[in-house]
Amino acid sequence: MRKIVFLAVLGVFSLAGCDKGGPPASDKTTTASGTSAVPAAAATYEIACAKCIYAMPGVPSCAAAVKVGGKPLLLSGASIDIMAIDGCKAAKQATIEGKVEGDKFVATKVEVKK
């Protein structure tokens, strides 16, 4: 008898947690890897060399990386010569348009601040 009462109470509580009228959908989408991809307007980010400055594992040569939320992500999409802006010596500030997709930042526009 206790088991039946316990299951009935458990069922009531599990149904009480179902809220079909939740908040409106946000602009977030989920990528194939299961991470959020947030479309972003132009914002200021730190940009530097993934190998020399951020020491990202698995990056064999100099490549641009953007620090988003304290985590460096490889930059793809927009082309930037990280060595030409001295990104191997120090991080720079840049206005970047794009979005996070998995473990990469896909940029549509990159403008390094002087």
PDB file of N, CA and C in Angstrom:
ATOM      1  N   MET A   1       0.821  -1.184   0.000  1.00  0.00           N
ATOM      2  CA  MET A   1       0.000   0.000   0.000  1.00  0.00           C
ATOM      3  C   MET A   1       0.875   1.263   0.000  1.00  0.00           C
ATOM      4  N   ARG A   2       1.986   1.235   0.762  1.00  0.00           N
ATOM      5  CA  ARG A   2       2.880   2.395   0.817  1.00  0.00           C
ATOM      6  C   ARG A   2       3.472   2.692  -0.561  1.00  0.00           C
ATOM      7  N   LYS A   3       3.801   1.650  -1.297  1.00  0.00           N
ATOM      8  CA  LYS A   3       4.380   1.841  -2.628  1.00  0.00           C
ATOM      9  C   LYS A   3       3.398   2.536  -3.560  1.00  0.00           C
ATOM     10  N   ILE A   4       2.133   2.161  -3.485  1.00  0.00           N
ATOM     11  CA  ILE A   4       1.119   2.764  -4.351  1.00  0.00           C
ATOM     12  C   ILE A   4       0.962   4.245  -4.019  1.00  0.00           C
ATOM     13  N   VAL A   5       0.916   4.572  -2.743  1.00  0.00           N
ATOM     14  CA  VAL A   5       0.787   5.974  -2.323  1.00  0.00           C
ATOM     15  C   VAL A   5       2.039   6.757  -2.765  1.00  0.00           C
ATOM     16  N   PHE A   6       3.204   6.165  -2.573  1.00  0.00           N
ATOM     17  CA  PHE A   6       4.445   6.827  -2.970  1.00  0.00           C
ATOM     18  C   PHE A   6       4.451   7.110  -4.472  1.00  0.00           C
ATOM     19  N   LEU A   7       4.073   6.128  -5.293  1.00  0.00           N
ATOM     20  CA  LEU A   7       4.039   6.313  -6.741  1.00  0.00           C
ATOM     21  C   LEU A   7       3.014   7.357  -7.148  1.00  0.00           C
ATOM     22  N   ALA A   8       1.873   7.387  -6.457  1.00  0.00           N
ATOM     23  CA  ALA A   8       0.846   8.381  -6.770  1.00  0.00           C
ATOM     24  C   ALA A   8       1.360   9.794  -6.466  1.00  0.00           C
ATOM     25  N   VAL A   9       2.013   9.964  -5.317  1.00  0.00           N
ATOM     26  CA  VAL A   9       2.558  11.263  -4.941  1.00  0.00           C
ATOM     27  C   VAL A   9       3.669  11.668  -5.909  1.00  0.00           C
ATOM     28  N   LEU A  10       4.525  10.738  -6.257  1.00  0.00           N
ATOM     29  CA  LEU A  10       5.604  11.007  -7.194  1.00  0.00           C
ATOM     30  C   LEU A  10       5.042  11.443  -8.553  1.00  0.00           C
ATOM     31  N   GLY A  11       3.996  10.791  -9.005  1.00  0.00           N
ATOM     32  CA  GLY A  11       3.360  11.147 -10.278  1.00  0.00           C
ATOM     33  C   GLY A  11       2.765  12.539 -10.254  1.00  0.00           C
ATOM     34  N   VAL A  12       2.154  12.910  -9.146  1.00  0.00           N
ATOM     35  CA  VAL A  12       1.572  14.251  -9.029  1.00  0.00           C
ATOM     36  C   VAL A  12       2.661  15.312  -9.085  1.00  0.00           C
ATOM     37  N   PHE A  13       3.775  15.087  -8.352  1.00  0.00           N
ATOM     38  CA  PHE A  13       4.855  16.063  -8.354  1.00  0.00           C
ATOM     39  C   PHE A  13       5.533  16.162  -9.718  1.00  0.00           C
ATOM     40  N   SER A  14       5.658  15.055 -10.421  1.00  0.00           N
ATOM     41  CA  SER A  14       6.297  15.116 -11.730  1.00  0.00           C
ATOM     42  C   SER A  14       5.424  15.850 -12.731  1.00  0.00           C
ATOM     43  N   LEU A  15       4.122  15.722 -12.634  1.00  0.00           N
ATOM     44  CA  LEU A  15       3.218  16.450 -13.526  1.00  0.00           C
ATOM     45  C   LEU A  15       3.165  17.929 -13.161  1.00  0.00           C
ATOM     46  N   ALA A  16       3.301  18.244 -11.896  1.00  0.00           N
ATOM     47  CA  ALA A  16       3.257  19.635 -11.456  1.00  0.00           C
ATOM     48  C   ALA A  16       4.434  20.422 -12.029  1.00  0.00           C
ATOM     49  N   GLY A  17       5.531  19.759 -12.337  1.00  0.00           N
ATOM     50  CA  GLY A  17       6.703  20.428 -12.876  1.00  0.00           C
ATOM     51  C   GLY A  17       6.606  20.721 -14.360  1.00  0.00           C
ATOM     52  N   CYS A  18       5.615  20.163 -15.047  1.00  0.00           N
ATOM     53  CA  CYS A  18       5.470  20.382 -16.483  1.00  0.00           C
ATOM     54  C   CYS A  18       4.774  21.707 -16.725  1.00  0.00           C
ATOM     55  N   ASP A  19       5.471  22.645 -17.338  1.00  0.00           N
ATOM     56  CA  ASP A  19       4.900  23.942 -17.642  1.00  0.00           C
ATOM     57  C   ASP A  19       4.957  24.133 -19.145  1.00  0.00           C
ATOM     58  N   LYS A  20       3.849  23.983 -19.787  1.00  0.00           N
ATOM     59  CA  LYS A  20       3.812  24.072 -21.239  1.00  0.00           C
ATOM     60  C   LYS A  20       3.804  25.518 -21.722  1.00  0.00           C
ATOM     61  N   GLY A  21       3.485  26.460 -20.875  1.00  0.00           N
ATOM     62  CA  GLY A  21       3.414  27.860 -21.283  1.00  0.00           C
ATOM     63  C   GLY A  21       4.641  28.624 -20.846  1.00  0.00           C
ATOM     64  N   GLY A  22       5.835  28.098 -21.086  1.00  0.00           N
ATOM     65  CA  GLY A  22       7.089  28.696 -20.650  1.00  0.00           C
ATOM     66  C   GLY A  22       7.359  30.031 -21.316  1.00  0.00           C
ATOM     67  N   PRO A  23       8.512  30.579 -21.057  1.00  0.00           N
ATOM     68  CA  PRO A  23       8.871  31.878 -21.622  1.00  0.00           C
ATOM     69  C   PRO A  23       9.008  31.780 -23.131  1.00  0.00           C
ATOM     70  N   PRO A  24       8.902  32.919 -23.811  1.00  0.00           N
ATOM     71  CA  PRO A  24       9.034  32.898 -25.267  1.00  0.00           C
ATOM     72  C   PRO A  24      10.419  32.416 -25.681  1.00  0.00           C
ATOM     73  N   ALA A  25      10.486  31.833 -26.860  1.00  0.00           N
ATOM     74  CA  ALA A  25      11.758  31.302 -27.356  1.00  0.00           C
ATOM     75  C   ALA A  25      12.759  32.430 -27.531  1.00  0.00           C
ATOM     76  N   SER A  26      14.018  32.150 -27.212  1.00  0.00           N
ATOM     77  CA  SER A  26      15.065  33.152 -27.367  1.00  0.00           C
ATOM     78  C   SER A  26      15.703  32.988 -28.740  1.00  0.00           C
ATOM     79  N   ASP A  27      16.713  33.801 -28.986  1.00  0.00           N
ATOM     80  CA  ASP A  27      17.432  33.716 -30.252  1.00  0.00           C
ATOM     81  C   ASP A  27      18.444  32.594 -30.257  1.00  0.00           C
ATOM     82  N   LYS A  28      18.576  31.868 -29.142  1.00  0.00           N
ATOM     83  CA  LYS A  28      19.563  30.793 -29.066  1.00  0.00           C
ATOM     84  C   LYS A  28      19.107  29.606 -29.904  1.00  0.00           C
ATOM     85  N   THR A  29      20.068  28.984 -30.540  1.00  0.00           N
ATOM     86  CA  THR A  29      19.816  27.737 -31.252  1.00  0.00           C
ATOM     87  C   THR A  29      20.827  26.728 -30.747  1.00  0.00           C
ATOM     88  N   THR A  30      20.571  25.464 -31.003  1.00  0.00           N
ATOM     89  CA  THR A  30      21.497  24.434 -30.566  1.00  0.00           C
ATOM     90  C   THR A  30      22.182  23.841 -31.783  1.00  0.00           C
ATOM     91  N   THR A  31      23.503  23.723 -31.700  1.00  0.00           N
ATOM     92  CA  THR A  31      24.274  23.168 -32.803  1.00  0.00           C
ATOM     93  C   THR A  31      24.286  21.652 -32.718  1.00  0.00           C
ATOM     94  N   ALA A  32      24.865  21.021 -33.711  1.00  0.00           N
ATOM     95  CA  ALA A  32      24.936  19.564 -33.757  1.00  0.00           C
ATOM     96  C   ALA A  32      25.711  19.006 -32.574  1.00  0.00           C
ATOM     97  N   SER A  33      26.662  19.789 -32.044  1.00  0.00           N
ATOM     98  CA  SER A  33      27.446  19.309 -30.903  1.00  0.00           C
ATOM     99  C   SER A  33      26.716  19.508 -29.580  1.00  0.00           C
ATOM    100  N   GLY A  34      25.519  20.129 -29.641  1.00  0.00           N
ATOM    101  CA  GLY A  34      24.724  20.301 -28.434  1.00  0.00           C
ATOM    102  C   GLY A  34      25.012  21.580 -27.678  1.00  0.00           C
ATOM    103  N   THR A  35      25.877  22.443 -28.204  1.00  0.00           N
ATOM    104  CA  THR A  35      26.162  23.695 -27.526  1.00  0.00           C
ATOM    105  C   THR A  35      25.317  24.806 -28.112  1.00  0.00           C
ATOM    106  N   SER A  36      25.147  25.851 -27.360  1.00  0.00           N
ATOM    107  CA  SER A  36      24.334  26.971 -27.818  1.00  0.00           C
ATOM    108  C   SER A  36      25.084  27.791 -28.847  1.00  0.00           C
ATOM    109  N   ALA A  37      24.369  28.237 -29.836  1.00  0.00           N
ATOM    110  CA  ALA A  37      24.911  29.157 -30.824  1.00  0.00           C
ATOM    111  C   ALA A  37      24.102  30.430 -30.697  1.00  0.00           C
ATOM    112  N   VAL A  38      24.728  31.476 -30.203  1.00  0.00           N
ATOM    113  CA  VAL A  38      24.023  32.718 -29.975  1.00  0.00           C
ATOM    114  C   VAL A  38      24.426  33.711 -31.048  1.00  0.00           C
ATOM    115  N   PRO A  39      23.480  34.096 -31.910  1.00  0.00           N
ATOM    116  CA  PRO A  39      23.814  35.101 -32.909  1.00  0.00           C
ATOM    117  C   PRO A  39      24.198  36.392 -32.195  1.00  0.00           C
ATOM    118  N   ALA A  40      25.255  37.024 -32.629  1.00  0.00           N
ATOM    119  CA  ALA A  40      25.712  38.214 -31.931  1.00  0.00           C
ATOM    120  C   ALA A  40      25.849  39.388 -32.878  1.00  0.00           C
ATOM    121  N   ALA A  41      25.439  40.532 -32.396  1.00  0.00           N
ATOM    122  CA  ALA A  41      25.733  41.766 -33.100  1.00  0.00           C
ATOM    123  C   ALA A  41      27.199  42.051 -32.845  1.00  0.00           C
ATOM    124  N   ALA A  42      27.712  43.090 -33.464  1.00  0.00           N
ATOM    125  CA  ALA A  42      29.112  43.428 -33.260  1.00  0.00           C
ATOM    126  C   ALA A  42      29.364  43.713 -31.783  1.00  0.00           C
ATOM    127  N   ALA A  43      30.418  43.124 -31.258  1.00  0.00           N
ATOM    128  CA  ALA A  43      30.802  43.317 -29.861  1.00  0.00           C
ATOM    129  C   ALA A  43      32.317  43.336 -29.779  1.00  0.00           C
ATOM    130  N   THR A  44      32.835  43.849 -28.674  1.00  0.00           N
ATOM    131  CA  THR A  44      34.280  43.902 -28.479  1.00  0.00           C
ATOM    132  C   THR A  44      34.736  42.645 -27.761  1.00  0.00           C
ATOM    133  N   TYR A  45      35.732  41.983 -28.343  1.00  0.00           N
ATOM    134  CA  TYR A  45      36.299  40.760 -27.790  1.00  0.00           C
ATOM    135  C   TYR A  45      37.812  40.878 -27.765  1.00  0.00           C
ATOM    136  N   GLU A  46      38.443  40.022 -26.970  1.00  0.00           N
ATOM    137  CA  GLU A  46      39.897  39.911 -26.972  1.00  0.00           C
ATOM    138  C   GLU A  46      40.260  38.912 -28.069  1.00  0.00           C
ATOM    139  N   ILE A  47      41.235  39.276 -28.902  1.00  0.00           N
ATOM    140  CA  ILE A  47      41.682  38.394 -29.980  1.00  0.00           C
ATOM    141  C   ILE A  47      43.198  38.238 -29.862  1.00  0.00           C
ATOM    142  N   ALA A  48      43.691  37.026 -30.066  1.00  0.00           N
ATOM    143  CA  ALA A  48      45.133  36.755 -29.974  1.00  0.00           C
ATOM    144  C   ALA A  48      45.429  35.424 -30.655  1.00  0.00           C
ATOM    145  N   CYS A  49      46.699  35.043 -30.613  1.00  0.00           N
ATOM    146  CA  CYS A  49      47.129  33.785 -31.208  1.00  0.00           C
ATOM    147  C   CYS A  49      46.717  32.610 -30.322  1.00  0.00           C
ATOM    148  N   ALA A  50      46.070  31.633 -30.942  1.00  0.00           N
ATOM    149  CA  ALA A  50      45.597  30.450 -30.210  1.00  0.00           C
ATOM    150  C   ALA A  50      46.762  29.645 -29.640  1.00  0.00           C
ATOM    151  N   LYS A  51      47.880  29.607 -30.353  1.00  0.00           N
ATOM    152  CA  LYS A  51      49.030  28.818 -29.910  1.00  0.00           C
ATOM    153  C   LYS A  51      49.921  29.606 -28.948  1.00  0.00           C
ATOM    154  N   CYS A  52      50.331  30.810 -29.339  1.00  0.00           N
ATOM    155  CA  CYS A  52      51.318  31.576 -28.567  1.00  0.00           C
ATOM    156  C   CYS A  52      50.763  32.206 -27.295  1.00  0.00           C
ATOM    157  N   ILE A  53      49.568  32.750 -27.348  1.00  0.00           N
ATOM    158  CA  ILE A  53      49.014  33.465 -26.199  1.00  0.00           C
ATOM    159  C   ILE A  53      48.100  32.568 -25.361  1.00  0.00           C
ATOM    160  N   TYR A  54      47.173  31.872 -26.016  1.00  0.00           N
ATOM    161  CA  TYR A  54      46.195  31.066 -25.274  1.00  0.00           C
ATOM    162  C   TYR A  54      46.642  29.629 -25.037  1.00  0.00           C
ATOM    163  N   ALA A  55      47.701  29.178 -25.697  1.00  0.00           N
ATOM    164  CA  ALA A  55      48.223  27.812 -25.547  1.00  0.00           C
ATOM    165  C   ALA A  55      47.103  26.772 -25.641  1.00  0.00           C
ATOM    166  N   MET A  56      46.283  26.905 -26.679  1.00  0.00           N
ATOM    167  CA  MET A  56      45.161  25.983 -26.869  1.00  0.00           C
ATOM    168  C   MET A  56      45.674  24.609 -27.299  1.00  0.00           C
ATOM    169  N   PRO A  57      45.216  23.553 -26.643  1.00  0.00           N
ATOM    170  CA  PRO A  57      45.656  22.207 -27.020  1.00  0.00           C
ATOM    171  C   PRO A  57      45.173  21.845 -28.430  1.00  0.00           C
ATOM    172  N   GLY A  58      46.026  21.161 -29.166  1.00  0.00           N
ATOM    173  CA  GLY A  58      45.664  20.702 -30.496  1.00  0.00           C
ATOM    174  C   GLY A  58      45.850  21.731 -31.590  1.00  0.00           C
ATOM    175  N   VAL A  59      46.354  22.905 -31.267  1.00  0.00           N
ATOM    176  CA  VAL A  59      46.599  23.941 -32.273  1.00  0.00           C
ATOM    177  C   VAL A  59      48.094  23.923 -32.592  1.00  0.00           C
ATOM    178  N   PRO A  60      48.468  23.393 -33.779  1.00  0.00           N
ATOM    179  CA  PRO A  60      49.883  23.198 -34.088  1.00  0.00           C
ATOM    180  C   PRO A  60      50.619  24.451 -34.563  1.00  0.00           C
ATOM    181  N   SER A  61      49.891  25.476 -35.041  1.00  0.00           N
ATOM    182  CA  SER A  61      50.553  26.675 -35.547  1.00  0.00           C
ATOM    183  C   SER A  61      49.733  27.913 -35.188  1.00  0.00           C
ATOM    184  N   CYS A  62      50.280  29.050 -35.485  1.00  0.00           N
ATOM    185  CA  CYS A  62      49.624  30.308 -35.153  1.00  0.00           C
ATOM    186  C   CYS A  62      48.290  30.431 -35.883  1.00  0.00           C
ATOM    187  N   ALA A  63      47.255  30.741 -35.120  1.00  0.00           N
ATOM    188  CA  ALA A  63      45.912  30.913 -35.662  1.00  0.00           C
ATOM    189  C   ALA A  63      45.165  31.886 -34.751  1.00  0.00           C
ATOM    190  N   ALA A  64      44.229  32.602 -35.311  1.00  0.00           N
ATOM    191  CA  ALA A  64      43.462  33.574 -34.534  1.00  0.00           C
ATOM    192  C   ALA A  64      42.461  32.871 -33.626  1.00  0.00           C
ATOM    193  N   ALA A  65      42.345  33.401 -32.410  1.00  0.00           N
ATOM    194  CA  ALA A  65      41.365  32.897 -31.451  1.00  0.00           C
ATOM    195  C   ALA A  65      40.711  34.096 -30.764  1.00  0.00           C
ATOM    196  N   VAL A  66      39.464  33.921 -30.385  1.00  0.00           N
ATOM    197  CA  VAL A  66      38.685  34.964 -29.722  1.00  0.00           C
ATOM    198  C   VAL A  66      38.308  34.465 -28.336  1.00  0.00           C
ATOM    199  N   LYS A  67      38.450  35.314 -27.333  1.00  0.00           N
ATOM    200  CA  LYS A  67      38.097  34.926 -25.971  1.00  0.00           C
ATOM    201  C   LYS A  67      36.649  35.333 -25.718  1.00  0.00           C
ATOM    202  N   VAL A  68      35.791  34.326 -25.501  1.00  0.00           N
ATOM    203  CA  VAL A  68      34.367  34.548 -25.250  1.00  0.00           C
ATOM    204  C   VAL A  68      34.035  33.924 -23.899  1.00  0.00           C
ATOM    205  N   GLY A  69      33.563  34.726 -22.976  1.00  0.00           N
ATOM    206  CA  GLY A  69      33.225  34.212 -21.653  1.00  0.00           C
ATOM    207  C   GLY A  69      34.414  33.602 -20.938  1.00  0.00           C
ATOM    208  N   GLY A  70      35.597  34.147 -21.168  1.00  0.00           N
ATOM    209  CA  GLY A  70      36.796  33.646 -20.512  1.00  0.00           C
ATOM    210  C   GLY A  70      37.411  32.432 -21.182  1.00  0.00           C
ATOM    211  N   LYS A  71      36.799  31.944 -22.258  1.00  0.00           N
ATOM    212  CA  LYS A  71      37.303  30.751 -22.944  1.00  0.00           C
ATOM    213  C   LYS A  71      37.715  31.112 -24.375  1.00  0.00           C
ATOM    214  N   PRO A  72      38.951  30.778 -24.775  1.00  0.00           N
ATOM    215  CA  PRO A  72      39.364  31.057 -26.145  1.00  0.00           C
ATOM    216  C   PRO A  72      38.738  30.071 -27.133  1.00  0.00           C
ATOM    217  N   LEU A  73      38.244  30.611 -28.234  1.00  0.00           N
ATOM    218  CA  LEU A  73      37.653  29.810 -29.305  1.00  0.00           C
ATOM    219  C   LEU A  73      38.358  30.153 -30.607  1.00  0.00           C
ATOM    220  N   LEU A  74      38.657  29.144 -31.414  1.00  0.00           N
ATOM    221  CA  LEU A  74      39.269  29.402 -32.716  1.00  0.00           C
ATOM    222  C   LEU A  74      38.341  30.248 -33.561  1.00  0.00           C
ATOM    223  N   LEU A  75      38.922  31.186 -34.288  1.00  0.00           N
ATOM    224  CA  LEU A  75      38.160  32.085 -35.147  1.00  0.00           C
ATOM    225  C   LEU A  75      38.083  31.500 -36.546  1.00  0.00           C
ATOM    226  N   SER A  76      36.893  31.450 -37.089  1.00  0.00           N
ATOM    227  CA  SER A  76      36.733  31.013 -38.481  1.00  0.00           C
ATOM    228  C   SER A  76      35.779  31.981 -39.159  1.00  0.00           C
ATOM    229  N   GLY A  77      35.643  31.839 -40.455  1.00  0.00           N
ATOM    230  CA  GLY A  77      34.772  32.742 -41.197  1.00  0.00           C
ATOM    231  C   GLY A  77      35.576  33.888 -41.772  1.00  0.00           C
ATOM    232  N   ALA A  78      35.639  34.995 -41.061  1.00  0.00           N
ATOM    233  CA  ALA A  78      36.394  36.164 -41.510  1.00  0.00           C
ATOM    234  C   ALA A  78      37.885  35.868 -41.430  1.00  0.00           C
ATOM    235  N   SER A  79      38.616  36.330 -42.413  1.00  0.00           N
ATOM    236  CA  SER A  79      40.051  36.074 -42.464  1.00  0.00           C
ATOM    237  C   SER A  79      40.821  37.186 -41.760  1.00  0.00           C
ATOM    238  N   ILE A  80      41.765  36.801 -40.916  1.00  0.00           N
ATOM    239  CA  ILE A  80      42.628  37.771 -40.243  1.00  0.00           C
ATOM    240  C   ILE A  80      44.011  37.154 -40.077  1.00  0.00           C
ATOM    241  N   ASP A  81      45.034  37.933 -40.390  1.00  0.00           N
ATOM    242  CA  ASP A  81      46.417  37.480 -40.227  1.00  0.00           C
ATOM    243  C   ASP A  81      46.850  37.854 -38.816  1.00  0.00           C
ATOM    244  N   ILE A  82      46.821  36.899 -37.916  1.00  0.00           N
ATOM    245  CA  ILE A  82      47.085  37.151 -36.499  1.00  0.00           C
ATOM    246  C   ILE A  82      48.517  37.639 -36.276  1.00  0.00           C
ATOM    247  N   MET A  83      49.465  37.191 -37.104  1.00  0.00           N
ATOM    248  CA  MET A  83      50.854  37.618 -36.949  1.00  0.00           C
ATOM    249  C   MET A  83      51.036  39.061 -37.422  1.00  0.00           C
ATOM    250  N   ALA A  84      50.274  39.488 -38.413  1.00  0.00           N
ATOM    251  CA  ALA A  84      50.390  40.856 -38.929  1.00  0.00           C
ATOM    252  C   ALA A  84      49.932  41.890 -37.900  1.00  0.00           C
ATOM    253  N   ILE A  85      49.048  41.503 -36.995  1.00  0.00           N
ATOM    254  CA  ILE A  85      48.579  42.448 -35.967  1.00  0.00           C
ATOM    255  C   ILE A  85      49.326  42.248 -34.639  1.00  0.00           C
ATOM    256  N   ASP A  86      50.422  41.489 -34.672  1.00  0.00           N
ATOM    257  CA  ASP A  86      51.216  41.165 -33.474  1.00  0.00           C
ATOM    258  C   ASP A  86      50.401  40.405 -32.433  1.00  0.00           C
ATOM    259  N   GLY A  87      49.479  39.573 -32.881  1.00  0.00           N
ATOM    260  CA  GLY A  87      48.648  38.780 -31.985  1.00  0.00           C
ATOM    261  C   GLY A  87      49.399  37.646 -31.315  1.00  0.00           C
ATOM    262  N   CYS A  88      50.629  37.380 -31.756  1.00  0.00           N
ATOM    263  CA  CYS A  88      51.453  36.347 -31.114  1.00  0.00           C
ATOM    264  C   CYS A  88      52.214  36.922 -29.933  1.00  0.00           C
ATOM    265  N   LYS A  89      52.278  38.247 -29.855  1.00  0.00           N
ATOM    266  CA  LYS A  89      53.001  38.904 -28.765  1.00  0.00           C
ATOM    267  C   LYS A  89      52.071  39.331 -27.636  1.00  0.00           C
ATOM    268  N   ALA A  90      50.866  39.753 -27.990  1.00  0.00           N
ATOM    269  CA  ALA A  90      49.919  40.236 -26.967  1.00  0.00           C
ATOM    270  C   ALA A  90      48.504  40.178 -27.515  1.00  0.00           C
ATOM    271  N   ALA A  91      47.562  40.047 -26.611  1.00  0.00           N
ATOM    272  CA  ALA A  91      46.154  40.054 -27.008  1.00  0.00           C
ATOM    273  C   ALA A  91      45.750  41.462 -27.406  1.00  0.00           C
ATOM    274  N   LYS A  92      44.824  41.556 -28.337  1.00  0.00           N
ATOM    275  CA  LYS A  92      44.314  42.839 -28.838  1.00  0.00           C
ATOM    276  C   LYS A  92      42.810  42.883 -28.633  1.00  0.00           C
ATOM    277  N   GLN A  93      42.263  44.058 -28.688  1.00  0.00           N
ATOM    278  CA  GLN A  93      40.813  44.238 -28.652  1.00  0.00           C
ATOM    279  C   GLN A  93      40.326  44.373 -30.090  1.00  0.00           C
ATOM    280  N   ALA A  94      39.189  43.760 -30.376  1.00  0.00           N
ATOM    281  CA  ALA A  94      38.641  43.822 -31.725  1.00  0.00           C
ATOM    282  C   ALA A  94      37.122  43.848 -31.661  1.00  0.00           C
ATOM    283  N   THR A  95      36.533  44.546 -32.606  1.00  0.00           N
ATOM    284  CA  THR A  95      35.087  44.523 -32.762  1.00  0.00           C
ATOM    285  C   THR A  95      34.797  43.398 -33.743  1.00  0.00           C
ATOM    286  N   ILE A  96      34.045  42.412 -33.273  1.00  0.00           N
ATOM    287  CA  ILE A  96      33.806  41.220 -34.082  1.00  0.00           C
ATOM    288  C   ILE A  96      32.316  40.959 -34.175  1.00  0.00           C
ATOM    289  N   GLU A  97      31.866  40.661 -35.382  1.00  0.00           N
ATOM    290  CA  GLU A  97      30.487  40.275 -35.633  1.00  0.00           C
ATOM    291  C   GLU A  97      30.483  38.794 -35.939  1.00  0.00           C
ATOM    292  N   GLY A  98      29.576  38.056 -35.332  1.00  0.00           N
ATOM    293  CA  GLY A  98      29.507  36.630 -35.599  1.00  0.00           C
ATOM    294  C   GLY A  98      28.797  35.894 -34.488  1.00  0.00           C
ATOM    295  N   LYS A  99      29.038  34.587 -34.425  1.00  0.00           N
ATOM    296  CA  LYS A  99      28.378  33.777 -33.398  1.00  0.00           C
ATOM    297  C   LYS A  99      29.224  32.568 -33.048  1.00  0.00           C
ATOM    298  N   VAL A 100      28.956  32.038 -31.871  1.00  0.00           N
ATOM    299  CA  VAL A 100      29.631  30.833 -31.400  1.00  0.00           C
ATOM    300  C   VAL A 100      28.910  29.625 -31.985  1.00  0.00           C
ATOM    301  N   GLU A 101      29.685  28.737 -32.585  1.00  0.00           N
ATOM    302  CA  GLU A 101      29.153  27.477 -33.105  1.00  0.00           C
ATOM    303  C   GLU A 101      30.056  26.360 -32.613  1.00  0.00           C
ATOM    304  N   GLY A 102      29.576  25.653 -31.601  1.00  0.00           N
ATOM    305  CA  GLY A 102      30.373  24.575 -31.017  1.00  0.00           C
ATOM    306  C   GLY A 102      31.595  25.119 -30.327  1.00  0.00           C
ATOM    307  N   ASP A 103      32.785  24.708 -30.783  1.00  0.00           N
ATOM    308  CA  ASP A 103      34.027  25.175 -30.173  1.00  0.00           C
ATOM    309  C   ASP A 103      34.743  26.198 -31.044  1.00  0.00           C
ATOM    310  N   LYS A 104      33.994  26.856 -31.939  1.00  0.00           N
ATOM    311  CA  LYS A 104      34.564  27.877 -32.821  1.00  0.00           C
ATOM    312  C   LYS A 104      33.710  29.139 -32.771  1.00  0.00           C
ATOM    313  N   PHE A 105      34.338  30.253 -33.100  1.00  0.00           N
ATOM    314  CA  PHE A 105      33.619  31.503 -33.260  1.00  0.00           C
ATOM    315  C   PHE A 105      33.615  31.801 -34.752  1.00  0.00           C
ATOM    316  N   VAL A 106      32.448  31.761 -35.365  1.00  0.00           N
ATOM    317  CA  VAL A 106      32.314  32.016 -36.797  1.00  0.00           C
ATOM    318  C   VAL A 106      32.029  33.502 -36.970  1.00  0.00           C
ATOM    319  N   ALA A 107      33.010  34.216 -37.488  1.00  0.00           N
ATOM    320  CA  ALA A 107      32.911  35.665 -37.628  1.00  0.00           C
ATOM    321  C   ALA A 107      32.523  36.061 -39.044  1.00  0.00           C
ATOM    322  N   THR A 108      31.731  37.112 -39.136  1.00  0.00           N
ATOM    323  CA  THR A 108      31.390  37.680 -40.436  1.00  0.00           C
ATOM    324  C   THR A 108      32.177  38.957 -40.682  1.00  0.00           C
ATOM    325  N   LYS A 109      32.663  39.577 -39.589  1.00  0.00           N
ATOM    326  CA  LYS A 109      33.432  40.808 -39.705  1.00  0.00           C
ATOM    327  C   LYS A 109      34.346  40.938 -38.489  1.00  0.00           C
ATOM    328  N   VAL A 110      35.616  41.298 -38.738  1.00  0.00           N
ATOM    329  CA  VAL A 110      36.587  41.514 -37.666  1.00  0.00           C
ATOM    330  C   VAL A 110      37.292  42.847 -37.922  1.00  0.00           C
ATOM    331  N   GLU A 111      37.280  43.706 -36.902  1.00  0.00           N
ATOM    332  CA  GLU A 111      37.959  44.988 -36.998  1.00  0.00           C
ATOM    333  C   GLU A 111      38.796  45.174 -35.734  1.00  0.00           C
ATOM    334  N   VAL A 112      40.123  45.063 -35.882  1.00  0.00           N
ATOM    335  CA  VAL A 112      41.032  45.173 -34.746  1.00  0.00           C
ATOM    336  C   VAL A 112      41.177  46.631 -34.367  1.00  0.00           C
ATOM    337  N   LYS A 113      41.045  46.924 -33.073  1.00  0.00           N
ATOM    338  CA  LYS A 113      41.186  48.308 -32.580  1.00  0.00           C
ATOM    339  C   LYS A 113      42.658  48.662 -32.462  1.00  0.00           C
ATOM    340  N   LYS A 114      42.969  49.896 -32.742  1.00  0.00           N
ATOM    341  CA  LYS A 114      44.358  50.352 -32.685  1.00  0.00           C
ATOM    342  C   LYS A 114      44.666  51.012 -31.376  1.00  0.00           C
TER     343      LYS A 114
END
